[in-house]
Structures are given as C-alpha cells and as structure tokens.
Amino acid sequence: MKYILIAVVLLSSFIYAEYTRFTRLDSGIVVDHEYGLQWQDDTNHTDEWILAIDYCENLELSGESDWRMPNINELLFIIETNSSDPAMNSIYKNILLDNIGGNANEVTGCATGGDFYWSSTTSDINSSKAIGVRFNLGMTYQDPKKKYNESATVTKEQNCSVRCVRSDFD
C-alpha cells in the first residue's frame, strides 16, 4: 500500500509538472491551453479603436488569418493577479506600459495610459466608450473611442494598445 501511495504521488506530480497553461511559439504567438486561445505577441501595436478592430481582422500571422480583437472576457483571461507592472504572465514579451510618458492626458496617446489595451466590447453605459484592461495593475477601464477637445468636438481618434486573439481549434 505504501508503494502504491508513493507511485500515485509521483505520477500526479509528473502530470502537474507537465501541464503548462501558456506556451510561446517561435512566431511570437502565445497559446493559452486553458481557454483554447492564441494571442499575438510578436509586436506592440497601438491604434484607434475602429482601426484596431480592422488591424486584427486583417492580421496574417504564422499562416493564420482569422485573428480578431478580443472581447473583454477574453482579455481578462490573461490578467495575472499575482503580479503588477505588468499584471500579465511573464511569457508575454511585447507589453506596452505607459507608452505616453506617464501623462495620461497627452493628445498623443490613450486617455487612460499606454498600458490600456482595447477590447471589442462597447460600454453598456456610454456607446462612445470601449472597455479594456490596464495591464500595469490588471484592472478594467472604459475609455472613449474618440479623443475630444475642450469644446467636446471630435478632433482625433485615440491610439491605445491592441493584442489580437484567435480561437485555437487546430
């Protein structure tokens, strides 16, 4: 009985050691085995919300062309709650953290900071805002899809970060 218990413990620790939630491919894709998703991690890309959607939908990476902007639930999957700056698993190499020099009000960047990543999810409260995640702390925020000046007219789109995703059915 003692030997059976030892064998079970050794086997279960081997199985646990073999499970890795994330795998990084040479192409810069991170595979999330738990949720069956592949994440783009070959570059840092910032864009206006609508152009970021187009960017993901037109992305061809590693022979795959079915990329899209993640919804907020998918983006929440990659928050690493045990870390910050970034609050993302260390397997991800291309992470923008405050790409506007620390001033979230600069006209050149995203209103909530460079660490804000777009999701395709529009706010239920205000349809001019999209929900995303700030990966410095791993918190969700709503950010205007467009940049407004003092007179509240549209002057330019905001450039926030985007990380494209695809379902991993292969």
N, C-alpha and C. Protein backbone atom coordinates (compact mmCIF):
# COMPACT_ATOMS: atom_id res chain seq x y z
N MET A 1 0.82 -1.19 0.00
CA MET A 1 0.00 0.00 0.00
C MET A 1 0.87 1.27 0.00
N LYS A 2 1.95 1.20 0.76
CA LYS A 2 2.86 2.34 0.84
C LYS A 2 3.45 2.65 -0.54
N TYR A 3 3.81 1.61 -1.30
CA TYR A 3 4.39 1.81 -2.63
C TYR A 3 3.37 2.35 -3.63
N ILE A 4 2.13 1.93 -3.46
CA ILE A 4 1.08 2.46 -4.34
C ILE A 4 0.89 3.95 -4.08
N LEU A 5 0.88 4.35 -2.83
CA LEU A 5 0.73 5.76 -2.47
C LEU A 5 1.89 6.59 -3.03
N ILE A 6 3.10 6.07 -2.92
CA ILE A 6 4.27 6.78 -3.45
C ILE A 6 4.16 6.90 -4.97
N ALA A 7 3.74 5.83 -5.63
CA ALA A 7 3.58 5.86 -7.09
C ALA A 7 2.52 6.87 -7.51
N VAL A 8 1.41 6.94 -6.79
CA VAL A 8 0.35 7.90 -7.10
C VAL A 8 0.84 9.33 -6.93
N VAL A 9 1.58 9.58 -5.86
CA VAL A 9 2.11 10.93 -5.62
C VAL A 9 3.10 11.31 -6.71
N LEU A 10 4.00 10.41 -7.07
CA LEU A 10 4.97 10.70 -8.13
C LEU A 10 4.30 10.91 -9.47
N LEU A 11 3.32 10.09 -9.79
CA LEU A 11 2.61 10.23 -11.05
C LEU A 11 1.83 11.54 -11.11
N SER A 12 1.14 11.89 -10.03
CA SER A 12 0.37 13.13 -10.03
C SER A 12 1.28 14.35 -10.10
N SER A 13 2.44 14.32 -9.45
CA SER A 13 3.35 15.46 -9.55
C SER A 13 3.94 15.55 -10.95
N PHE A 14 4.16 14.42 -11.62
CA PHE A 14 4.64 14.44 -13.00
C PHE A 14 3.59 15.03 -13.92
N ILE A 15 2.34 14.63 -13.76
CA ILE A 15 1.26 15.16 -14.58
C ILE A 15 1.11 16.65 -14.35
N TYR A 16 1.18 17.10 -13.09
CA TYR A 16 1.06 18.52 -12.78
C TYR A 16 2.21 19.31 -13.40
N ALA A 17 3.43 18.75 -13.32
CA ALA A 17 4.60 19.44 -13.88
C ALA A 17 4.51 19.54 -15.39
N GLU A 18 3.85 18.59 -16.04
CA GLU A 18 3.72 18.60 -17.48
C GLU A 18 2.70 19.63 -17.96
N TYR A 19 1.74 20.03 -17.11
CA TYR A 19 0.72 20.99 -17.53
C TYR A 19 1.29 22.40 -17.46
N THR A 20 1.29 23.03 -18.59
CA THR A 20 1.68 24.42 -18.68
C THR A 20 0.55 25.16 -19.37
N ARG A 21 0.02 26.17 -18.71
CA ARG A 21 -1.12 26.87 -19.29
C ARG A 21 -0.74 27.60 -20.57
N PHE A 22 0.41 28.26 -20.57
CA PHE A 22 0.83 29.05 -21.72
C PHE A 22 2.05 28.43 -22.39
N THR A 23 2.08 28.51 -23.70
CA THR A 23 3.24 28.12 -24.49
C THR A 23 3.55 29.25 -25.45
N ARG A 24 4.83 29.58 -25.56
CA ARG A 24 5.25 30.62 -26.51
C ARG A 24 5.83 29.95 -27.75
N LEU A 25 5.28 30.27 -28.91
CA LEU A 25 5.78 29.73 -30.17
C LEU A 25 6.85 30.66 -30.73
N ASP A 26 7.71 30.13 -31.59
CA ASP A 26 8.77 30.94 -32.20
C ASP A 26 8.22 32.12 -32.99
N SER A 27 6.99 32.00 -33.47
CA SER A 27 6.38 33.06 -34.28
C SER A 27 5.94 34.27 -33.46
N GLY A 28 6.05 34.19 -32.13
CA GLY A 28 5.59 35.29 -31.29
C GLY A 28 4.14 35.14 -30.89
N ILE A 29 3.60 33.95 -31.04
CA ILE A 29 2.23 33.66 -30.62
C ILE A 29 2.30 32.98 -29.26
N VAL A 30 1.41 33.38 -28.35
CA VAL A 30 1.30 32.73 -27.06
C VAL A 30 0.00 31.92 -27.08
N VAL A 31 0.13 30.63 -26.81
CA VAL A 31 -1.03 29.74 -26.79
C VAL A 31 -1.50 29.59 -25.35
N ASP A 32 -2.77 29.85 -25.13
CA ASP A 32 -3.41 29.66 -23.83
C ASP A 32 -4.18 28.34 -23.90
N HIS A 33 -3.60 27.29 -23.33
CA HIS A 33 -4.18 25.95 -23.42
C HIS A 33 -5.45 25.82 -22.59
N GLU A 34 -5.57 26.60 -21.54
CA GLU A 34 -6.75 26.51 -20.68
C GLU A 34 -8.01 27.01 -21.38
N TYR A 35 -7.89 28.11 -22.12
CA TYR A 35 -9.05 28.71 -22.78
C TYR A 35 -9.09 28.48 -24.29
N GLY A 36 -8.09 27.78 -24.83
CA GLY A 36 -8.09 27.47 -26.25
C GLY A 36 -7.95 28.69 -27.14
N LEU A 37 -7.08 29.62 -26.73
CA LEU A 37 -6.87 30.85 -27.50
C LEU A 37 -5.41 30.99 -27.87
N GLN A 38 -5.17 31.67 -28.98
CA GLN A 38 -3.83 32.07 -29.36
C GLN A 38 -3.77 33.59 -29.35
N TRP A 39 -2.73 34.13 -28.74
CA TRP A 39 -2.57 35.57 -28.59
C TRP A 39 -1.38 36.07 -29.39
N GLN A 40 -1.57 37.17 -30.09
CA GLN A 40 -0.48 37.82 -30.80
C GLN A 40 0.48 38.42 -29.78
N ASP A 41 1.75 38.14 -29.94
CA ASP A 41 2.76 38.74 -29.07
C ASP A 41 4.07 38.95 -29.84
N ASP A 42 3.94 39.28 -31.13
CA ASP A 42 5.12 39.49 -31.96
C ASP A 42 5.50 40.96 -32.07
N THR A 43 4.62 41.85 -31.63
CA THR A 43 4.87 43.28 -31.80
C THR A 43 3.99 44.06 -30.81
N ASN A 44 4.31 45.31 -30.63
CA ASN A 44 3.44 46.23 -29.90
C ASN A 44 2.70 47.05 -30.94
N HIS A 45 1.40 47.07 -30.87
CA HIS A 45 0.62 47.82 -31.85
C HIS A 45 -0.36 48.72 -31.12
N THR A 46 -0.40 49.98 -31.50
CA THR A 46 -1.40 50.91 -30.98
C THR A 46 -2.19 51.47 -32.15
N ASP A 47 -3.45 51.74 -31.91
CA ASP A 47 -4.29 52.26 -32.97
C ASP A 47 -5.58 52.81 -32.38
N GLU A 48 -6.31 53.52 -33.22
CA GLU A 48 -7.66 53.96 -32.87
C GLU A 48 -8.53 52.71 -32.74
N TRP A 49 -9.60 52.78 -31.98
CA TRP A 49 -10.42 51.62 -31.69
C TRP A 49 -10.92 50.93 -32.96
N ILE A 50 -11.54 51.68 -33.86
CA ILE A 50 -12.10 51.07 -35.07
C ILE A 50 -10.99 50.54 -35.97
N LEU A 51 -9.87 51.25 -36.03
CA LEU A 51 -8.74 50.78 -36.84
C LEU A 51 -8.06 49.58 -36.19
N ALA A 52 -8.09 49.52 -34.87
CA ALA A 52 -7.53 48.35 -34.17
C ALA A 52 -8.35 47.10 -34.48
N ILE A 53 -9.66 47.26 -34.58
CA ILE A 53 -10.52 46.13 -34.97
C ILE A 53 -10.12 45.67 -36.38
N ASP A 54 -9.98 46.64 -37.31
CA ASP A 54 -9.58 46.31 -38.68
C ASP A 54 -8.19 45.67 -38.71
N TYR A 55 -7.27 46.20 -37.90
CA TYR A 55 -5.92 45.64 -37.84
C TYR A 55 -5.96 44.16 -37.49
N CYS A 56 -6.72 43.83 -36.45
CA CYS A 56 -6.79 42.42 -36.03
C CYS A 56 -7.47 41.56 -37.09
N GLU A 57 -8.55 42.07 -37.67
CA GLU A 57 -9.28 41.28 -38.66
C GLU A 57 -8.47 41.06 -39.94
N ASN A 58 -7.50 41.93 -40.20
CA ASN A 58 -6.67 41.79 -41.40
C ASN A 58 -5.29 41.22 -41.11
N LEU A 59 -5.03 40.88 -39.86
CA LEU A 59 -3.73 40.35 -39.47
C LEU A 59 -3.53 38.95 -40.04
N GLU A 60 -2.37 38.74 -40.61
CA GLU A 60 -1.94 37.40 -41.01
C GLU A 60 -0.65 37.13 -40.26
N LEU A 61 -0.70 36.14 -39.40
CA LEU A 61 0.43 35.82 -38.54
C LEU A 61 0.57 34.31 -38.46
N SER A 62 1.75 33.82 -38.76
CA SER A 62 2.05 32.39 -38.69
C SER A 62 1.09 31.55 -39.54
N GLY A 63 0.75 32.10 -40.71
CA GLY A 63 -0.12 31.37 -41.62
C GLY A 63 -1.59 31.39 -41.26
N GLU A 64 -1.95 32.14 -40.25
CA GLU A 64 -3.34 32.21 -39.80
C GLU A 64 -3.90 33.59 -40.11
N SER A 65 -5.17 33.65 -40.54
CA SER A 65 -5.77 34.93 -40.90
C SER A 65 -7.11 35.16 -40.20
N ASP A 66 -7.42 34.36 -39.19
CA ASP A 66 -8.70 34.52 -38.50
C ASP A 66 -8.54 35.22 -37.15
N TRP A 67 -7.67 36.22 -37.11
CA TRP A 67 -7.43 37.00 -35.90
C TRP A 67 -8.55 38.01 -35.71
N ARG A 68 -8.75 38.44 -34.49
CA ARG A 68 -9.78 39.43 -34.16
C ARG A 68 -9.37 40.14 -32.88
N MET A 69 -10.05 41.26 -32.61
CA MET A 69 -9.83 41.94 -31.33
C MET A 69 -10.56 41.14 -30.25
N PRO A 70 -9.93 40.92 -29.11
CA PRO A 70 -10.59 40.13 -28.06
C PRO A 70 -11.75 40.88 -27.43
N ASN A 71 -12.74 40.13 -26.96
CA ASN A 71 -13.78 40.77 -26.15
C ASN A 71 -13.24 40.93 -24.73
N ILE A 72 -13.94 41.63 -23.88
CA ILE A 72 -13.41 41.93 -22.55
C ILE A 72 -13.19 40.67 -21.72
N ASN A 73 -14.06 39.67 -21.88
CA ASN A 73 -13.88 38.44 -21.11
C ASN A 73 -12.58 37.74 -21.50
N GLU A 74 -12.27 37.69 -22.78
CA GLU A 74 -11.03 37.06 -23.23
C GLU A 74 -9.82 37.84 -22.73
N LEU A 75 -9.90 39.14 -22.76
CA LEU A 75 -8.78 39.96 -22.29
C LEU A 75 -8.54 39.76 -20.80
N LEU A 76 -9.62 39.55 -20.06
CA LEU A 76 -9.48 39.30 -18.62
C LEU A 76 -8.78 37.97 -18.34
N PHE A 77 -8.85 37.02 -19.27
CA PHE A 77 -8.21 35.72 -19.07
C PHE A 77 -6.70 35.83 -18.89
N ILE A 78 -6.08 36.86 -19.47
CA ILE A 78 -4.62 36.93 -19.41
C ILE A 78 -4.10 37.86 -18.31
N ILE A 79 -5.00 38.35 -17.47
CA ILE A 79 -4.54 39.11 -16.29
C ILE A 79 -3.89 38.14 -15.32
N GLU A 80 -2.74 38.51 -14.84
CA GLU A 80 -2.03 37.74 -13.82
C GLU A 80 -2.23 38.47 -12.49
N THR A 81 -3.08 37.91 -11.64
CA THR A 81 -3.47 38.60 -10.41
C THR A 81 -2.36 38.65 -9.37
N ASN A 82 -1.33 37.83 -9.52
CA ASN A 82 -0.25 37.80 -8.53
C ASN A 82 0.91 38.73 -8.88
N SER A 83 0.75 39.55 -9.91
CA SER A 83 1.83 40.45 -10.28
C SER A 83 1.27 41.78 -10.78
N SER A 84 2.15 42.75 -10.92
CA SER A 84 1.74 44.05 -11.48
C SER A 84 2.92 44.62 -12.25
N ASP A 85 2.62 45.58 -13.10
CA ASP A 85 3.62 46.23 -13.96
C ASP A 85 4.52 45.24 -14.69
N PRO A 86 4.03 44.33 -15.45
CA PRO A 86 2.66 44.16 -15.89
C PRO A 86 1.91 43.10 -15.08
N ALA A 87 0.62 43.23 -15.08
CA ALA A 87 -0.24 42.22 -14.45
C ALA A 87 -0.62 41.21 -15.54
N MET A 88 0.41 40.61 -16.10
CA MET A 88 0.26 39.67 -17.20
C MET A 88 1.35 38.61 -17.04
N ASN A 89 1.07 37.40 -17.44
CA ASN A 89 2.04 36.32 -17.33
C ASN A 89 3.34 36.71 -18.01
N SER A 90 4.46 36.31 -17.42
CA SER A 90 5.77 36.71 -17.93
C SER A 90 6.12 36.08 -19.28
N ILE A 91 5.33 35.16 -19.78
CA ILE A 91 5.58 34.58 -21.10
C ILE A 91 5.36 35.61 -22.20
N TYR A 92 4.53 36.63 -21.92
CA TYR A 92 4.29 37.71 -22.89
C TYR A 92 5.49 38.65 -22.88
N LYS A 93 6.06 38.89 -24.04
CA LYS A 93 7.26 39.71 -24.16
C LYS A 93 6.98 41.13 -24.64
N ASN A 94 5.95 41.32 -25.44
CA ASN A 94 5.64 42.63 -26.01
C ASN A 94 4.46 43.24 -25.28
N ILE A 95 4.77 44.03 -24.28
CA ILE A 95 3.74 44.66 -23.45
C ILE A 95 4.06 46.14 -23.37
N LEU A 96 3.10 46.98 -23.73
CA LEU A 96 3.28 48.41 -23.58
C LEU A 96 2.79 48.82 -22.20
N LEU A 97 3.65 49.48 -21.47
CA LEU A 97 3.26 50.03 -20.17
C LEU A 97 3.54 51.52 -20.21
N ASP A 98 2.48 52.30 -20.24
CA ASP A 98 2.57 53.75 -20.25
C ASP A 98 3.42 54.27 -21.39
N ASN A 99 2.97 53.99 -22.62
CA ASN A 99 3.74 54.42 -23.79
C ASN A 99 3.57 55.90 -24.12
N ILE A 100 2.98 56.66 -23.20
CA ILE A 100 2.85 58.10 -23.44
C ILE A 100 3.58 58.91 -22.38
N GLY A 101 4.57 58.29 -21.78
CA GLY A 101 5.44 59.03 -20.87
C GLY A 101 4.81 59.37 -19.54
N GLY A 102 3.82 58.63 -19.10
CA GLY A 102 3.26 58.82 -17.78
C GLY A 102 2.16 59.86 -17.71
N ASN A 103 1.93 60.62 -18.76
CA ASN A 103 0.89 61.64 -18.73
C ASN A 103 -0.31 61.13 -19.52
N ALA A 104 -1.33 60.69 -18.81
CA ALA A 104 -2.48 60.09 -19.47
C ALA A 104 -3.34 61.10 -20.20
N ASN A 105 -3.04 62.36 -20.10
CA ASN A 105 -3.85 63.38 -20.77
C ASN A 105 -3.21 63.93 -22.03
N GLU A 106 -2.05 63.40 -22.40
CA GLU A 106 -1.41 63.88 -23.61
C GLU A 106 -2.26 63.55 -24.82
N VAL A 107 -2.24 64.41 -25.80
CA VAL A 107 -3.04 64.23 -27.00
C VAL A 107 -2.52 63.06 -27.84
N THR A 108 -1.26 62.70 -27.64
CA THR A 108 -0.65 61.68 -28.49
C THR A 108 -1.00 60.26 -28.09
N GLY A 109 -1.65 60.05 -26.98
CA GLY A 109 -1.87 58.67 -26.54
C GLY A 109 -3.24 58.42 -25.97
N CYS A 110 -3.40 57.24 -25.46
CA CYS A 110 -4.66 56.78 -24.90
C CYS A 110 -4.96 57.53 -23.61
N ALA A 111 -6.21 57.89 -23.41
CA ALA A 111 -6.59 58.74 -22.28
C ALA A 111 -6.32 58.09 -20.94
N THR A 112 -6.37 56.75 -20.85
CA THR A 112 -6.13 56.11 -19.56
C THR A 112 -4.70 55.65 -19.40
N GLY A 113 -3.86 55.84 -20.39
CA GLY A 113 -2.46 55.44 -20.29
C GLY A 113 -2.11 54.41 -21.35
N GLY A 114 -0.83 54.30 -21.66
CA GLY A 114 -0.36 53.41 -22.69
C GLY A 114 -0.51 51.94 -22.37
N ASP A 115 -0.73 51.62 -21.11
CA ASP A 115 -0.90 50.23 -20.73
C ASP A 115 -2.34 49.76 -20.91
N PHE A 116 -3.18 50.62 -21.48
CA PHE A 116 -4.58 50.29 -21.73
C PHE A 116 -4.68 49.52 -23.04
N TYR A 117 -5.28 48.34 -22.98
CA TYR A 117 -5.46 47.50 -24.17
C TYR A 117 -6.94 47.44 -24.51
N TRP A 118 -7.25 47.75 -25.77
CA TRP A 118 -8.62 47.73 -26.26
C TRP A 118 -9.22 46.33 -26.19
N SER A 119 -10.53 46.28 -25.96
CA SER A 119 -11.32 45.08 -26.24
C SER A 119 -12.37 45.49 -27.26
N SER A 120 -13.02 44.53 -27.86
CA SER A 120 -14.08 44.83 -28.82
C SER A 120 -15.39 45.16 -28.13
N THR A 121 -15.40 45.10 -26.81
CA THR A 121 -16.63 45.30 -26.04
C THR A 121 -16.90 46.79 -25.82
N THR A 122 -18.07 47.22 -26.26
CA THR A 122 -18.51 48.59 -26.07
C THR A 122 -19.18 48.71 -24.71
N SER A 123 -18.99 49.85 -24.06
CA SER A 123 -19.61 50.12 -22.77
C SER A 123 -21.14 50.10 -22.87
N ASP A 124 -21.79 49.47 -21.91
CA ASP A 124 -23.25 49.49 -21.85
C ASP A 124 -23.77 50.87 -21.46
N ILE A 125 -22.96 51.61 -20.72
CA ILE A 125 -23.38 52.92 -20.20
C ILE A 125 -23.21 54.02 -21.24
N ASN A 126 -22.13 53.95 -22.02
CA ASN A 126 -21.82 55.01 -22.98
C ASN A 126 -21.23 54.36 -24.23
N SER A 127 -21.98 54.31 -25.29
CA SER A 127 -21.55 53.61 -26.51
C SER A 127 -20.36 54.28 -27.20
N SER A 128 -19.97 55.48 -26.76
CA SER A 128 -18.77 56.10 -27.34
C SER A 128 -17.51 55.60 -26.64
N LYS A 129 -17.67 54.71 -25.66
CA LYS A 129 -16.52 54.16 -24.93
C LYS A 129 -16.42 52.65 -25.15
N ALA A 130 -15.19 52.17 -25.14
CA ALA A 130 -14.93 50.74 -25.20
C ALA A 130 -14.29 50.33 -23.87
N ILE A 131 -14.52 49.09 -23.48
CA ILE A 131 -13.95 48.57 -22.24
C ILE A 131 -12.62 47.90 -22.57
N GLY A 132 -11.65 48.08 -21.71
CA GLY A 132 -10.35 47.47 -21.91
C GLY A 132 -9.69 47.21 -20.58
N VAL A 133 -8.44 46.78 -20.64
CA VAL A 133 -7.68 46.44 -19.43
C VAL A 133 -6.40 47.26 -19.40
N ARG A 134 -6.12 47.82 -18.24
CA ARG A 134 -4.81 48.44 -17.99
C ARG A 134 -3.94 47.39 -17.36
N PHE A 135 -2.91 46.97 -18.07
CA PHE A 135 -2.09 45.86 -17.60
C PHE A 135 -0.99 46.27 -16.62
N ASN A 136 -0.92 47.55 -16.25
CA ASN A 136 0.01 47.87 -15.17
C ASN A 136 -0.53 47.30 -13.85
N LEU A 137 -1.86 47.35 -13.66
CA LEU A 137 -2.46 46.83 -12.44
C LEU A 137 -3.46 45.70 -12.70
N GLY A 138 -3.80 45.44 -13.96
CA GLY A 138 -4.74 44.39 -14.27
C GLY A 138 -6.18 44.76 -13.97
N MET A 139 -6.54 46.01 -14.22
CA MET A 139 -7.89 46.50 -13.93
C MET A 139 -8.59 46.88 -15.22
N THR A 140 -9.92 46.74 -15.22
CA THR A 140 -10.69 47.14 -16.40
C THR A 140 -11.04 48.63 -16.30
N TYR A 141 -11.12 49.25 -17.47
CA TYR A 141 -11.49 50.66 -17.58
C TYR A 141 -12.35 50.83 -18.81
N GLN A 142 -13.05 51.95 -18.85
CA GLN A 142 -13.77 52.36 -20.05
C GLN A 142 -13.05 53.58 -20.58
N ASP A 143 -12.80 53.58 -21.88
CA ASP A 143 -12.07 54.69 -22.47
C ASP A 143 -12.82 55.16 -23.71
N PRO A 144 -12.86 56.47 -23.93
CA PRO A 144 -13.54 56.97 -25.13
C PRO A 144 -12.92 56.41 -26.39
N LYS A 145 -13.76 56.06 -27.34
CA LYS A 145 -13.28 55.56 -28.62
C LYS A 145 -12.68 56.70 -29.44
N LYS A 146 -13.05 57.94 -29.09
CA LYS A 146 -12.56 59.11 -29.80
C LYS A 146 -12.01 60.11 -28.80
N LYS A 147 -11.07 60.90 -29.26
CA LYS A 147 -10.46 61.94 -28.44
C LYS A 147 -11.25 63.23 -28.59
N TYR A 148 -11.56 63.91 -27.49
CA TYR A 148 -12.34 65.15 -27.52
C TYR A 148 -11.48 66.31 -27.06
N ASN A 149 -11.73 67.48 -27.64
CA ASN A 149 -11.04 68.67 -27.17
C ASN A 149 -11.95 69.40 -26.18
N GLU A 150 -11.53 70.58 -25.75
CA GLU A 150 -12.29 71.33 -24.74
C GLU A 150 -13.72 71.65 -25.19
N SER A 151 -13.95 71.80 -26.47
CA SER A 151 -15.30 72.13 -26.94
C SER A 151 -16.14 70.89 -27.20
N ALA A 152 -15.64 69.73 -26.81
CA ALA A 152 -16.34 68.45 -26.91
C ALA A 152 -16.65 68.04 -28.34
N THR A 153 -15.83 68.50 -29.29
CA THR A 153 -15.98 68.01 -30.66
C THR A 153 -14.88 67.00 -30.92
N VAL A 154 -15.13 66.10 -31.83
CA VAL A 154 -14.15 65.06 -32.13
C VAL A 154 -12.98 65.68 -32.88
N THR A 155 -11.77 65.52 -32.36
CA THR A 155 -10.59 66.04 -33.03
C THR A 155 -9.70 64.94 -33.58
N LYS A 156 -9.63 63.80 -32.89
CA LYS A 156 -8.84 62.67 -33.39
C LYS A 156 -9.19 61.43 -32.62
N GLU A 157 -8.88 60.31 -33.19
CA GLU A 157 -9.10 59.04 -32.51
C GLU A 157 -7.96 58.81 -31.51
N GLN A 158 -8.24 58.04 -30.49
CA GLN A 158 -7.20 57.70 -29.51
C GLN A 158 -6.42 56.49 -30.00
N ASN A 159 -5.15 56.51 -29.74
CA ASN A 159 -4.30 55.37 -30.05
C ASN A 159 -4.01 54.60 -28.78
N CYS A 160 -4.65 53.47 -28.62
CA CYS A 160 -4.43 52.60 -27.47
C CYS A 160 -3.86 51.28 -27.97
N SER A 161 -3.37 50.49 -27.06
CA SER A 161 -2.75 49.22 -27.42
C SER A 161 -3.80 48.19 -27.81
N VAL A 162 -3.37 47.24 -28.63
CA VAL A 162 -4.25 46.14 -29.03
C VAL A 162 -3.43 44.85 -29.08
N ARG A 163 -4.01 43.77 -28.62
CA ARG A 163 -3.41 42.44 -28.69
C ARG A 163 -4.44 41.53 -29.32
N CYS A 164 -4.18 41.08 -30.54
CA CYS A 164 -5.15 40.27 -31.28
C CYS A 164 -5.19 38.83 -30.76
N VAL A 165 -6.32 38.18 -31.01
CA VAL A 165 -6.53 36.82 -30.50
C VAL A 165 -7.21 36.00 -31.58
N ARG A 166 -7.09 34.70 -31.48
CA ARG A 166 -7.83 33.77 -32.34
C ARG A 166 -8.13 32.53 -31.53
N SER A 167 -9.19 31.85 -31.90
CA SER A 167 -9.51 30.59 -31.25
C SER A 167 -8.56 29.53 -31.78
N ASP A 168 -8.06 28.70 -30.88
CA ASP A 168 -7.08 27.68 -31.23
C ASP A 168 -7.77 26.33 -31.39
N PHE A 169 -8.31 26.09 -32.58
CA PHE A 169 -9.02 24.84 -32.83
C PHE A 169 -8.16 23.80 -33.50
N ASP A 170 -6.92 24.15 -33.81
CA ASP A 170 -6.02 23.22 -34.53
C ASP A 170 -5.51 22.14 -33.62
